[in-house]
Amino acid sequence: MKKIIPLIIVLFFIILPLIVSNAYYLHLLILVMLWIIIGTGWNVIAGYTGQVSFGDAAFFGTGAYAAGLLTHHFAISAWWGMGLGGFMAMLIALPFGWICFRLRGAYFALASLALNEILRQIAVVAVPITDGMAGILIMPTFVSKIPYYYIALGLAISSTLLVKYVMSSRWGYYFLSIREDQDAAESLGIDTHFYKMISLNIAAFLTGVAGALFMNYMGFIDPHVVFSLHDISIMAILVGIVGGVGTLYGPIVGAVVMVAVQEIFRTGCFGLLKFIADSTGSETMKIVTEYVAKAHVLGFGALVIVVILFLPNGIVGDWHKITGRLTAGSKKGV
């Protein structure tokens, strides 16, 4: 049964574009797939290996620029950047991890935070290469969103299967041992520095591929978009925390929830608040609608607080607790 449910879910997402043809909803689904890839990468280094990282924007932006610069300077299709973006992100991760994995806990997290800012500033000032704040614009390959959806879906499934395979291998056991007690792992002869490097590079590769996909899909990037601490790094952490840190399907659930919450605020409950404001002519309601549209960060904060208080292991990690309460509530109702 446990194997059948994932297959049913995959089949559902494969046929979904045949049911949902609206471009707006397909766009949201593509964003969900994008965040599944990013969240899965972050989950490897932070959830399974226990090294909390704020560096996803660095790897995401590197992958995006690797794809964009191919077209911008060499007239090569940005789709070739799908592989190149992942490897370029690994090239950033290698020296960073080699130096900074000598740090632990909050110090490593702060170092990864600094990496974001360093690469963002490089992208801003390296105008001959990156065009600075003017950004890079490419022509989209497809008019329809359906090809992008299936490409994103394929990458999301592949990233999940990759992590599943890695975590069932010897590497996975080493990652978990480092997370639980690094000193004990070292005493058993595990080269913790080496395996943290492997974990970081897996995360960097997946995030870099996601960045290259973003470049191809959106057709435009600039340093503030792809190296954004809030929009990329913090969002990746929230996807992991809400879905369930250290769980295989946590990033999937977290991506769905976070994209939904962001869009609910951005659109004012999918236009419902604006409809009420226009129907009633209430100036107060119009002001409320404007504030709600800008309050997605507040919504994220409230959601994380609720999850930490009531579901500290995330939705997937505490799924038994959720189902237990629902079962108990239904029995009381009977």
Protein backbone atom coordinates (compact mmCIF):
# COMPACT_ATOMS: atom_id res chain seq x y z
CA MET A 1 0.00 0.00 0.00
CA LYS A 2 2.87 2.37 0.82
CA LYS A 3 4.27 1.86 -2.68
CA ILE A 4 0.92 2.23 -4.41
CA ILE A 5 0.03 5.63 -2.90
CA PRO A 6 3.11 7.45 -4.35
CA LEU A 7 2.39 5.90 -7.77
CA ILE A 8 -1.21 7.12 -7.62
CA ILE A 9 -0.01 10.62 -6.69
CA VAL A 10 2.49 10.65 -9.57
CA LEU A 11 -0.17 9.43 -12.00
CA PHE A 12 -2.51 12.17 -10.75
CA PHE A 13 0.07 14.87 -11.45
CA ILE A 14 0.81 13.39 -14.88
CA ILE A 15 -2.81 13.64 -16.01
CA LEU A 16 -3.51 16.90 -14.14
CA PRO A 17 -2.82 19.20 -17.15
CA LEU A 18 -5.53 17.32 -19.01
CA ILE A 19 -7.96 18.41 -16.28
CA VAL A 20 -6.55 21.83 -15.39
CA SER A 21 -5.81 23.81 -18.55
CA ASN A 22 -5.87 27.28 -16.99
CA ALA A 23 -2.44 28.92 -17.41
CA TYR A 24 -2.57 30.53 -13.97
CA TYR A 25 -3.06 27.25 -12.12
CA LEU A 26 -0.43 25.54 -14.26
CA HIS A 27 1.94 28.34 -13.26
CA LEU A 28 1.26 27.61 -9.58
CA LEU A 29 1.86 23.90 -10.16
CA ILE A 30 5.19 24.66 -11.87
CA LEU A 31 6.19 26.75 -8.85
CA VAL A 32 5.24 23.85 -6.57
CA MET A 33 7.49 21.51 -8.58
CA LEU A 34 10.29 24.06 -8.47
CA TRP A 35 10.06 24.28 -4.69
CA ILE A 36 9.94 20.51 -4.35
CA ILE A 37 13.35 20.37 -6.05
CA ILE A 38 14.78 23.18 -3.90
CA GLY A 39 13.22 21.87 -0.70
CA THR A 40 14.48 18.36 -1.38
CA GLY A 41 18.00 19.71 -1.82
CA TRP A 42 17.83 21.70 1.42
CA ASN A 43 16.43 18.66 3.22
CA VAL A 44 19.52 16.62 2.32
CA ILE A 45 22.00 19.00 3.95
CA ALA A 46 19.83 20.31 6.79
CA GLY A 47 17.20 17.64 7.43
CA TYR A 48 19.27 14.50 7.00
CA THR A 49 22.79 15.76 7.74
CA GLY A 50 21.86 18.34 10.37
CA GLN A 51 23.79 21.27 8.82
CA VAL A 52 21.32 24.17 8.71
CA SER A 53 22.05 26.23 5.61
CA PHE A 54 20.92 29.64 4.41
CA GLY A 55 22.87 29.22 1.19
CA ASP A 56 20.19 28.00 -1.20
CA ALA A 57 19.98 31.36 -2.94
CA ALA A 58 23.70 31.16 -3.74
CA PHE A 59 23.29 27.81 -5.51
CA PHE A 60 19.95 28.74 -7.08
CA GLY A 61 21.35 31.98 -8.49
CA THR A 62 24.48 30.25 -9.75
CA GLY A 63 22.38 27.72 -11.65
CA ALA A 64 20.14 30.44 -13.07
CA TYR A 65 23.08 32.54 -14.28
CA ALA A 66 24.87 29.49 -15.68
CA ALA A 67 21.87 28.86 -17.93
CA GLY A 68 21.25 32.53 -18.74
CA LEU A 69 24.85 33.35 -19.63
CA LEU A 70 24.99 30.50 -22.14
CA THR A 71 22.36 32.25 -24.21
CA HIS A 72 23.41 35.81 -23.39
CA HIS A 73 27.08 35.44 -24.39
CA PHE A 74 27.33 32.31 -26.52
CA ALA A 75 23.87 32.03 -28.15
CA ILE A 76 23.59 28.49 -26.78
CA SER A 77 20.18 27.27 -25.65
CA ALA A 78 19.63 27.85 -21.94
CA TRP A 79 18.28 24.30 -21.71
CA TRP A 80 21.88 23.09 -21.85
CA GLY A 81 22.25 25.00 -18.61
CA MET A 82 20.03 22.48 -16.84
CA GLY A 83 23.03 20.23 -16.33
CA LEU A 84 25.60 23.00 -16.30
CA GLY A 85 23.69 24.90 -13.61
CA GLY A 86 23.87 21.98 -11.21
CA PHE A 87 27.60 21.47 -11.74
CA MET A 88 28.37 25.19 -11.48
CA ALA A 89 26.53 25.24 -8.15
CA MET A 90 28.70 22.32 -7.05
CA LEU A 91 31.80 24.31 -8.02
CA ILE A 92 30.64 26.98 -5.59
CA ALA A 93 29.78 24.42 -2.92
CA LEU A 94 33.14 22.63 -3.03
CA PRO A 95 35.45 25.41 -1.77
CA PHE A 96 32.74 26.81 0.49
CA GLY A 97 32.13 23.46 2.18
CA TRP A 98 35.82 22.62 2.38
CA ILE A 99 36.47 25.82 4.35
CA CYS A 100 33.25 26.34 6.28
CA PHE A 101 32.48 22.78 7.41
CA ARG A 102 35.16 23.34 10.00
CA LEU A 103 32.47 25.53 11.58
CA ARG A 104 29.47 24.08 13.38
CA GLY A 105 25.92 25.08 14.24
CA ALA A 106 25.06 28.74 13.92
CA TYR A 107 28.52 29.61 12.61
CA PHE A 108 28.08 27.46 9.52
CA ALA A 109 24.59 28.91 8.99
CA LEU A 110 26.01 32.45 9.16
CA ALA A 111 28.77 31.51 6.70
CA SER A 112 26.17 30.24 4.23
CA LEU A 113 24.25 33.48 4.71
CA ALA A 114 27.39 35.42 3.81
CA LEU A 115 27.85 33.28 0.68
CA ASN A 116 24.48 34.51 -0.63
CA GLU A 117 25.45 38.13 -0.19
CA ILE A 118 28.92 37.68 -1.72
CA LEU A 119 27.54 36.11 -4.89
CA ARG A 120 24.75 38.66 -5.13
CA GLN A 121 27.26 41.51 -4.96
CA ILE A 122 29.47 39.82 -7.56
CA ALA A 123 26.48 39.54 -9.90
CA VAL A 124 25.69 43.23 -9.34
CA VAL A 125 29.19 44.60 -10.00
CA ALA A 126 30.29 42.18 -12.74
CA VAL A 127 28.39 44.20 -15.34
CA PRO A 128 30.42 43.05 -18.41
CA ILE A 129 29.46 39.46 -17.60
CA THR A 130 26.07 39.61 -15.90
CA ASP A 131 24.75 43.03 -17.07
CA GLY A 132 24.41 43.88 -13.38
CA MET A 133 21.00 45.08 -12.23
CA ALA A 134 19.73 45.20 -15.81
CA GLY A 135 19.56 41.42 -15.61
CA ILE A 136 19.43 38.80 -18.35
CA LEU A 137 16.46 38.35 -20.65
CA ILE A 138 15.96 35.34 -22.94
CA MET A 139 13.12 34.34 -25.21
CA PRO A 140 10.95 31.52 -23.79
CA THR A 141 11.15 28.28 -25.73
CA PHE A 142 7.49 27.35 -25.34
CA VAL A 143 4.34 29.46 -25.44
CA SER A 144 2.30 26.89 -23.55
CA LYS A 145 3.06 26.14 -19.90
CA ILE A 146 2.42 22.42 -20.31
CA PRO A 147 5.96 21.54 -21.51
CA TYR A 148 7.44 23.46 -18.58
CA TYR A 149 5.07 21.64 -16.24
CA TYR A 150 6.16 18.19 -17.39
CA ILE A 151 9.84 19.13 -17.30
CA ALA A 152 9.43 20.48 -13.76
CA LEU A 153 7.43 17.40 -12.75
CA GLY A 154 10.12 15.10 -14.14
CA LEU A 155 12.83 16.96 -12.22
CA ALA A 156 10.78 16.94 -9.02
CA ILE A 157 10.21 13.17 -9.26
CA SER A 158 13.88 12.58 -10.14
CA SER A 159 15.12 14.66 -7.19
CA THR A 160 12.85 12.77 -4.79
CA LEU A 161 13.96 9.38 -6.14
CA LEU A 162 17.61 10.45 -5.97
CA VAL A 163 17.31 11.40 -2.31
CA LYS A 164 15.39 8.20 -1.57
CA TYR A 165 18.20 6.17 -3.15
CA VAL A 166 20.95 8.12 -1.37
CA MET A 167 19.29 7.85 2.03
CA SER A 168 18.89 4.08 1.65
CA SER A 169 22.59 3.74 0.84
CA ARG A 170 25.67 3.86 3.05
CA TRP A 171 25.92 7.60 2.50
CA GLY A 172 22.48 8.07 4.01
CA TYR A 173 23.47 6.25 7.20
CA TYR A 174 26.56 8.42 7.47
CA PHE A 175 24.49 11.58 6.98
CA LEU A 176 22.12 10.55 9.77
CA SER A 177 24.98 9.66 12.09
CA ILE A 178 26.48 13.11 11.58
CA ARG A 179 23.12 14.70 12.31
CA GLU A 180 22.59 12.73 15.50
CA ASP A 181 26.09 13.08 16.98
CA GLN A 182 29.04 14.26 14.92
CA ASP A 183 31.61 13.47 17.61
CA ALA A 184 30.30 9.93 17.99
CA ALA A 185 30.37 9.48 14.21
CA GLU A 186 34.01 10.59 14.11
CA SER A 187 34.88 8.21 16.93
CA LEU A 188 33.52 5.37 14.76
CA GLY A 189 35.88 6.32 11.96
CA ILE A 190 33.44 8.25 9.74
CA ASP A 191 35.08 11.12 7.85
CA THR A 192 32.40 13.64 8.80
CA HIS A 193 33.97 16.49 6.83
CA PHE A 194 34.00 14.40 3.63
CA TYR A 195 30.41 13.21 3.97
CA LYS A 196 29.14 16.68 4.83
CA MET A 197 30.80 17.79 1.59
CA ILE A 198 28.94 15.07 -0.31
CA SER A 199 25.65 16.11 1.29
CA LEU A 200 26.22 19.78 0.48
CA ASN A 201 27.08 19.02 -3.13
CA ILE A 202 23.94 16.94 -3.62
CA ALA A 203 21.92 19.85 -2.24
CA ALA A 204 23.82 22.36 -4.39
CA PHE A 205 23.33 20.32 -7.56
CA LEU A 206 19.56 20.01 -7.09
CA THR A 207 19.19 23.68 -6.22
CA GLY A 208 21.36 24.71 -9.18
CA VAL A 209 19.20 22.65 -11.54
CA ALA A 210 16.13 24.38 -10.09
CA GLY A 211 17.76 27.75 -10.79
CA ALA A 212 18.44 26.78 -14.41
CA LEU A 213 14.82 25.65 -14.77
CA PHE A 214 13.68 29.01 -13.35
CA MET A 215 15.78 30.85 -15.95
CA ASN A 216 14.26 28.85 -18.79
CA TYR A 217 10.73 29.20 -17.47
CA MET A 218 10.64 32.84 -16.39
CA GLY A 219 12.96 34.12 -19.13
CA PHE A 220 14.42 36.86 -16.93
CA ILE A 221 16.71 37.04 -13.92
CA ASP A 222 18.58 39.71 -12.01
CA PRO A 223 20.75 39.53 -8.85
CA HIS A 224 17.98 40.56 -6.46
CA VAL A 225 15.60 37.92 -7.83
CA VAL A 226 17.79 34.81 -7.86
CA PHE A 227 20.11 35.63 -4.95
CA SER A 228 17.27 36.76 -2.68
CA LEU A 229 17.69 35.68 0.94
CA HIS A 230 13.98 35.93 1.69
CA ASP A 231 12.46 34.69 -1.56
CA ILE A 232 14.83 31.75 -2.01
CA SER A 233 16.85 30.77 1.08
CA ILE A 234 14.21 31.48 3.73
CA MET A 235 11.45 30.02 1.57
CA ALA A 236 13.47 26.80 1.16
CA ILE A 237 13.81 26.53 4.94
CA LEU A 238 10.09 27.14 5.44
CA VAL A 239 9.22 24.46 2.88
CA GLY A 240 11.33 21.99 4.87
CA ILE A 241 10.05 23.02 8.30
CA VAL A 242 6.37 23.06 7.36
CA GLY A 243 6.51 19.82 5.37
CA GLY A 244 8.75 17.93 7.75
CA VAL A 245 12.51 18.14 8.21
CA GLY A 246 14.30 14.86 7.55
CA THR A 247 11.34 13.21 5.80
CA LEU A 248 11.26 12.13 2.16
CA TYR A 249 7.85 13.60 1.35
CA GLY A 250 8.13 16.64 3.61
CA PRO A 251 9.40 18.97 0.83
CA ILE A 252 6.50 17.93 -1.39
CA VAL A 253 3.86 18.79 1.21
CA GLY A 254 5.77 21.89 2.30
CA ALA A 255 6.01 23.17 -1.28
CA VAL A 256 2.26 22.77 -1.83
CA VAL A 257 1.40 24.51 1.44
CA MET A 258 3.87 27.39 1.09
CA VAL A 259 2.96 28.19 -2.53
CA ALA A 260 -0.74 28.06 -1.59
CA VAL A 261 -0.26 30.36 1.41
CA GLN A 262 1.83 32.82 -0.60
CA GLU A 263 -0.75 32.95 -3.37
CA ILE A 264 -3.70 33.27 -0.97
CA PHE A 265 -2.16 36.41 0.48
CA ARG A 266 -0.86 37.80 -2.82
CA THR A 267 -4.23 37.49 -4.56
CA GLY A 268 -6.37 38.36 -1.53
CA CYS A 269 -7.85 34.87 -1.15
CA PHE A 270 -7.82 34.37 -4.94
CA GLY A 271 -9.67 37.64 -5.58
CA LEU A 272 -12.40 37.06 -3.00
CA LEU A 273 -11.51 40.10 -0.88
CA LYS A 274 -11.39 42.37 -3.95
CA PHE A 275 -14.76 41.01 -5.09
CA ILE A 276 -16.27 41.80 -1.67
CA ALA A 277 -14.68 45.25 -1.66
CA ASP A 278 -16.00 46.06 -5.15
CA SER A 279 -19.45 44.64 -4.39
CA THR A 280 -19.91 46.53 -1.13
CA GLY A 281 -18.00 49.67 -2.15
CA SER A 282 -16.40 49.67 1.30
CA GLU A 283 -13.22 51.76 1.50
CA THR A 284 -12.19 49.85 4.63
CA MET A 285 -12.44 46.57 2.77
CA LYS A 286 -10.32 47.95 -0.06
CA ILE A 287 -7.61 48.97 2.42
CA VAL A 288 -7.76 45.54 4.07
CA THR A 289 -7.40 43.90 0.65
CA GLU A 290 -4.29 45.98 -0.12
CA TYR A 291 -2.68 45.11 3.21
CA VAL A 292 -3.47 41.40 2.90
CA ALA A 293 -1.84 41.32 -0.53
CA LYS A 294 1.40 42.58 1.03
CA ALA A 295 1.26 40.46 4.19
CA HIS A 296 2.46 37.08 2.92
CA VAL A 297 5.56 37.33 5.12
CA LEU A 298 3.28 37.72 8.13
CA GLY A 299 1.33 34.68 6.97
CA PHE A 300 4.54 32.67 6.68
CA GLY A 301 5.56 33.69 10.19
CA ALA A 302 2.19 32.76 11.67
CA LEU A 303 2.20 29.41 9.87
CA VAL A 304 5.70 28.53 11.10
CA ILE A 305 4.77 29.44 14.69
CA VAL A 306 1.71 27.18 14.51
CA VAL A 307 3.76 24.33 13.04
CA ILE A 308 6.52 24.67 15.65
CA LEU A 309 4.02 24.76 18.52
CA PHE A 310 1.72 21.95 17.43
CA LEU A 311 3.63 20.00 14.74
CA PRO A 312 7.33 20.34 15.60
CA ASN A 313 8.25 17.58 13.14
CA GLY A 314 6.26 19.14 10.30
CA ILE A 315 3.09 17.94 8.63
CA VAL A 316 4.60 14.69 7.33
CA GLY A 317 6.69 14.04 10.45
CA ASP A 318 3.67 14.45 12.72
CA TRP A 319 1.09 12.99 10.36
CA HIS A 320 0.24 10.28 12.90
CA LYS A 321 -0.52 13.03 15.42
CA ILE A 322 -2.83 14.80 12.96
CA THR A 323 -4.70 11.62 12.02
CA GLY A 324 -4.88 10.63 15.69
CA ARG A 325 -6.56 13.89 16.63
CA LEU A 326 -8.96 13.67 13.70
CA THR A 327 -9.86 10.10 14.65
CA ALA A 328 -10.33 11.07 18.27
CA GLY A 329 -12.51 14.01 17.24
CA SER A 330 -14.72 11.84 15.01
CA LYS A 331 -15.18 9.31 17.81
CA LYS A 332 -16.24 12.06 20.19
CA GLY A 333 -18.70 13.31 17.57
CA VAL A 334 -20.20 9.83 17.30
